[in-house]
PDB file of N, CA and C in Angstrom:
ATOM      1  N   UNK A   1       0.820  -1.186   0.000  1.00  0.00           N
ATOM      2  CA  UNK A   1       0.000   0.000   0.000  1.00  0.00           C
ATOM      3  C   UNK A   1       0.863   1.248   0.000  1.00  0.00           C
ATOM      4  N   UNK A   2       1.836   1.307   0.919  1.00  0.00           N
ATOM      5  CA  UNK A   2       2.695   2.494   1.007  1.00  0.00           C
ATOM      6  C   UNK A   2       3.468   2.706  -0.286  1.00  0.00           C
ATOM      7  N   UNK A   3       3.880   1.621  -0.924  1.00  0.00           N
ATOM      8  CA  UNK A   3       4.625   1.741  -2.181  1.00  0.00           C
ATOM      9  C   UNK A   3       3.762   2.378  -3.264  1.00  0.00           C
ATOM     10  N   UNK A   4       2.482   2.034  -3.309  1.00  0.00           N
ATOM     11  CA  UNK A   4       1.583   2.625  -4.301  1.00  0.00           C
ATOM     12  C   UNK A   4       1.372   4.107  -4.028  1.00  0.00           C
ATOM     13  N   UNK A   5       1.218   4.463  -2.771  1.00  0.00           N
ATOM     14  CA  UNK A   5       1.063   5.872  -2.402  1.00  0.00           C
ATOM     15  C   UNK A   5       2.348   6.623  -2.732  1.00  0.00           C
ATOM     16  N   UNK A   6       3.496   6.001  -2.454  1.00  0.00           N
ATOM     17  CA  UNK A   6       4.784   6.635  -2.733  1.00  0.00           C
ATOM     18  C   UNK A   6       4.971   6.883  -4.225  1.00  0.00           C
ATOM     19  N   UNK A   7       4.358   6.059  -5.059  1.00  0.00           N
ATOM     20  CA  UNK A   7       4.422   6.252  -6.515  1.00  0.00           C
ATOM     21  C   UNK A   7       3.513   7.376  -6.991  1.00  0.00           C
ATOM     22  N   UNK A   8       2.702   7.913  -6.083  1.00  0.00           N
ATOM     23  CA  UNK A   8       1.856   9.042  -6.435  1.00  0.00           C
ATOM     24  C   UNK A   8       0.419   8.688  -6.768  1.00  0.00           C
ATOM     25  N   UNK A   9       0.018   7.443  -6.531  1.00  0.00           N
ATOM     26  CA  UNK A   9      -1.359   7.057  -6.805  1.00  0.00           C
ATOM     27  C   UNK A   9      -2.294   7.655  -5.763  1.00  0.00           C
ATOM     28  N   UNK A  10      -3.490   8.006  -6.199  1.00  0.00           N
ATOM     29  CA  UNK A  10      -4.513   8.511  -5.282  1.00  0.00           C
ATOM     30  C   UNK A  10      -5.097   7.333  -4.506  1.00  0.00           C
ATOM     31  N   UNK A  11      -5.828   7.634  -3.449  1.00  0.00           N
ATOM     32  CA  UNK A  11      -6.474   6.568  -2.679  1.00  0.00           C
ATOM     33  C   UNK A  11      -7.428   5.775  -3.564  1.00  0.00           C
ATOM     34  N   UNK A  12      -8.117   6.439  -4.451  1.00  0.00           N
ATOM     35  CA  UNK A  12      -9.050   5.744  -5.353  1.00  0.00           C
ATOM     36  C   UNK A  12      -8.285   4.791  -6.276  1.00  0.00           C
ATOM     37  N   UNK A  13      -7.148   5.242  -6.798  1.00  0.00           N
ATOM     38  CA  UNK A  13      -6.338   4.394  -7.680  1.00  0.00           C
ATOM     39  C   UNK A  13      -5.757   3.204  -6.916  1.00  0.00           C
ATOM     40  N   UNK A  14      -5.321   3.441  -5.694  1.00  0.00           N
ATOM     41  CA  UNK A  14      -4.814   2.357  -4.849  1.00  0.00           C
ATOM     42  C   UNK A  14      -5.931   1.339  -4.608  1.00  0.00           C
ATOM     43  N   UNK A  15      -7.101   1.834  -4.278  1.00  0.00           N
ATOM     44  CA  UNK A  15      -8.245   0.957  -4.017  1.00  0.00           C
ATOM     45  C   UNK A  15      -8.567   0.097  -5.237  1.00  0.00           C
ATOM     46  N   UNK A  16      -8.551   0.693  -6.399  1.00  0.00           N
ATOM     47  CA  UNK A  16      -8.843  -0.060  -7.622  1.00  0.00           C
ATOM     48  C   UNK A  16      -7.803  -1.146  -7.863  1.00  0.00           C
ATOM     49  N   UNK A  17      -6.537  -0.824  -7.647  1.00  0.00           N
ATOM     50  CA  UNK A  17      -5.470  -1.809  -7.867  1.00  0.00           C
ATOM     51  C   UNK A  17      -5.533  -2.956  -6.871  1.00  0.00           C
ATOM     52  N   UNK A  18      -5.901  -2.643  -5.629  1.00  0.00           N
ATOM     53  CA  UNK A  18      -5.930  -3.668  -4.587  1.00  0.00           C
ATOM     54  C   UNK A  18      -7.299  -4.323  -4.433  1.00  0.00           C
ATOM     55  N   UNK A  19      -8.261  -3.868  -5.220  1.00  0.00           N
ATOM     56  CA  UNK A  19      -9.637  -4.371  -5.187  1.00  0.00           C
ATOM     57  C   UNK A  19     -10.211  -4.265  -3.770  1.00  0.00           C
ATOM     58  N   UNK A  20     -10.118  -3.046  -3.236  1.00  0.00           N
ATOM     59  CA  UNK A  20     -10.716  -2.714  -1.942  1.00  0.00           C
ATOM     60  C   UNK A  20     -11.510  -1.428  -2.138  1.00  0.00           C
ATOM     61  N   UNK A  21     -12.321  -1.066  -1.146  1.00  0.00           N
ATOM     62  CA  UNK A  21     -13.080   0.174  -1.267  1.00  0.00           C
ATOM     63  C   UNK A  21     -12.173   1.372  -1.049  1.00  0.00           C
ATOM     64  N   UNK A  22     -12.592   2.513  -1.573  1.00  0.00           N
ATOM     65  CA  UNK A  22     -11.822   3.746  -1.380  1.00  0.00           C
ATOM     66  C   UNK A  22     -11.723   4.068   0.101  1.00  0.00           C
ATOM     67  N   UNK A  23     -12.798   3.854   0.822  1.00  0.00           N
ATOM     68  CA  UNK A  23     -12.803   4.149   2.260  1.00  0.00           C
ATOM     69  C   UNK A  23     -11.771   3.298   2.996  1.00  0.00           C
ATOM     70  N   UNK A  24     -11.626   2.035   2.598  1.00  0.00           N
ATOM     71  CA  UNK A  24     -10.617   1.167   3.205  1.00  0.00           C
ATOM     72  C   UNK A  24      -9.226   1.702   2.891  1.00  0.00           C
ATOM     73  N   UNK A  25      -9.003   2.124   1.669  1.00  0.00           N
ATOM     74  CA  UNK A  25      -7.713   2.709   1.291  1.00  0.00           C
ATOM     75  C   UNK A  25      -7.453   3.976   2.107  1.00  0.00           C
ATOM     76  N   UNK A  26      -8.478   4.817   2.259  1.00  0.00           N
ATOM     77  CA  UNK A  26      -8.345   6.041   3.071  1.00  0.00           C
ATOM     78  C   UNK A  26      -7.865   5.697   4.488  1.00  0.00           C
ATOM     79  N   UNK A  27      -8.501   4.705   5.073  1.00  0.00           N
ATOM     80  CA  UNK A  27      -8.176   4.301   6.443  1.00  0.00           C
ATOM     81  C   UNK A  27      -6.750   3.774   6.531  1.00  0.00           C
ATOM     82  N   UNK A  28      -6.358   2.943   5.574  1.00  0.00           N
ATOM     83  CA  UNK A  28      -5.006   2.392   5.592  1.00  0.00           C
ATOM     84  C   UNK A  28      -3.958   3.503   5.459  1.00  0.00           C
ATOM     85  N   UNK A  29      -4.201   4.452   4.589  1.00  0.00           N
ATOM     86  CA  UNK A  29      -3.256   5.561   4.420  1.00  0.00           C
ATOM     87  C   UNK A  29      -3.171   6.373   5.712  1.00  0.00           C
ATOM     88  N   UNK A  30      -4.302   6.624   6.351  1.00  0.00           N
ATOM     89  CA  UNK A  30      -4.294   7.336   7.635  1.00  0.00           C
ATOM     90  C   UNK A  30      -3.450   6.583   8.658  1.00  0.00           C
ATOM     91  N   UNK A  31      -3.580   5.254   8.698  1.00  0.00           N
ATOM     92  CA  UNK A  31      -2.814   4.447   9.643  1.00  0.00           C
ATOM     93  C   UNK A  31      -1.322   4.475   9.319  1.00  0.00           C
ATOM     94  N   UNK A  32      -0.982   4.426   8.045  1.00  0.00           N
ATOM     95  CA  UNK A  32       0.423   4.509   7.637  1.00  0.00           C
ATOM     96  C   UNK A  32       1.028   5.833   8.102  1.00  0.00           C
ATOM     97  N   UNK A  33       0.302   6.926   7.856  1.00  0.00           N
ATOM     98  CA  UNK A  33       0.793   8.246   8.277  1.00  0.00           C
ATOM     99  C   UNK A  33       0.992   8.299   9.790  1.00  0.00           C
ATOM    100  N   UNK A  34       0.029   7.775  10.531  1.00  0.00           N
ATOM    101  CA  UNK A  34       0.113   7.807  11.996  1.00  0.00           C
ATOM    102  C   UNK A  34       1.281   6.959  12.501  1.00  0.00           C
ATOM    103  N   UNK A  35       1.446   5.756  11.951  1.00  0.00           N
ATOM    104  CA  UNK A  35       2.517   4.869  12.413  1.00  0.00           C
ATOM    105  C   UNK A  35       3.898   5.444  12.113  1.00  0.00           C
ATOM    106  N   UNK A  36       4.016   6.134  10.994  1.00  0.00           N
ATOM    107  CA  UNK A  36       5.302   6.720  10.625  1.00  0.00           C
ATOM    108  C   UNK A  36       5.525   8.079  11.275  1.00  0.00           C
ATOM    109  N   UNK A  37       4.479   8.618  11.890  1.00  0.00           N
ATOM    110  CA  UNK A  37       4.597   9.915  12.550  1.00  0.00           C
ATOM    111  C   UNK A  37       4.770  11.054  11.579  1.00  0.00           C
ATOM    112  N   UNK A  38       4.124  10.957  10.427  1.00  0.00           N
ATOM    113  CA  UNK A  38       4.228  11.994   9.407  1.00  0.00           C
ATOM    114  C   UNK A  38       2.835  12.527   9.088  1.00  0.00           C
ATOM    115  N   UNK A  39       2.799  13.647   8.368  1.00  0.00           N
ATOM    116  CA  UNK A  39       1.503  14.274   8.125  1.00  0.00           C
ATOM    117  C   UNK A  39       1.117  14.379   6.652  1.00  0.00           C
ATOM    118  N   UNK A  40       2.054  14.107   5.744  1.00  0.00           N
ATOM    119  CA  UNK A  40       1.686  14.245   4.334  1.00  0.00           C
ATOM    120  C   UNK A  40       2.032  12.990   3.548  1.00  0.00           C
ATOM    121  N   UNK A  41       1.264  12.784   2.502  1.00  0.00           N
ATOM    122  CA  UNK A  41       1.474  11.630   1.617  1.00  0.00           C
ATOM    123  C   UNK A  41       2.853  11.691   0.963  1.00  0.00           C
ATOM    124  N   UNK A  42       3.331  12.888   0.673  1.00  0.00           N
ATOM    125  CA  UNK A  42       4.633  13.045   0.023  1.00  0.00           C
ATOM    126  C   UNK A  42       5.751  12.490   0.900  1.00  0.00           C
ATOM    127  N   UNK A  43       5.592  12.590   2.195  1.00  0.00           N
ATOM    128  CA  UNK A  43       6.614  12.085   3.107  1.00  0.00           C
ATOM    129  C   UNK A  43       6.702  10.565   3.093  1.00  0.00           C
ATOM    130  N   UNK A  44       5.643   9.895   2.696  1.00  0.00           N
ATOM    131  CA  UNK A  44       5.664   8.426   2.640  1.00  0.00           C
ATOM    132  C   UNK A  44       6.766   7.960   1.701  1.00  0.00           C
ATOM    133  N   UNK A  45       6.920   8.616   0.568  1.00  0.00           N
ATOM    134  CA  UNK A  45       7.948   8.190  -0.373  1.00  0.00           C
ATOM    135  C   UNK A  45       9.349   8.392   0.202  1.00  0.00           C
ATOM    136  N   UNK A  46       9.554   9.457   0.949  1.00  0.00           N
ATOM    137  CA  UNK A  46      10.866   9.699   1.560  1.00  0.00           C
ATOM    138  C   UNK A  46      11.178   8.661   2.633  1.00  0.00           C
ATOM    139  N   UNK A  47      10.171   8.290   3.398  1.00  0.00           N
ATOM    140  CA  UNK A  47      10.369   7.329   4.487  1.00  0.00           C
ATOM    141  C   UNK A  47      10.532   5.915   3.932  1.00  0.00           C
ATOM    142  N   UNK A  48       9.861   5.599   2.823  1.00  0.00           N
ATOM    143  CA  UNK A  48       9.901   4.237   2.302  1.00  0.00           C
ATOM    144  C   UNK A  48      11.076   3.986   1.365  1.00  0.00           C
ATOM    145  N   UNK A  49      11.906   5.009   1.091  1.00  0.00           N
ATOM    146  CA  UNK A  49      13.082   4.799   0.255  1.00  0.00           C
ATOM    147  C   UNK A  49      14.127   4.020   1.026  1.00  0.00           C
ATOM    148  N   UNK A  50      14.883   3.147   0.319  1.00  0.00           N
ATOM    149  CA  UNK A  50      15.923   2.350   1.008  1.00  0.00           C
ATOM    150  C   UNK A  50      17.081   3.185   1.479  1.00  0.00           C
TER     151      UNK A  50
END
């Protein structure tokens, strides 16, 4: 999930790729942000880089 967000996909696009609802994708992204202690989607790509 984080890798798809890091590539710049919207929650709707992530949901379509993973065959889940948009609301489920929204929730997962919120949880990713909270666990990483960050506030923006752009930061996910910086944190997930090797």
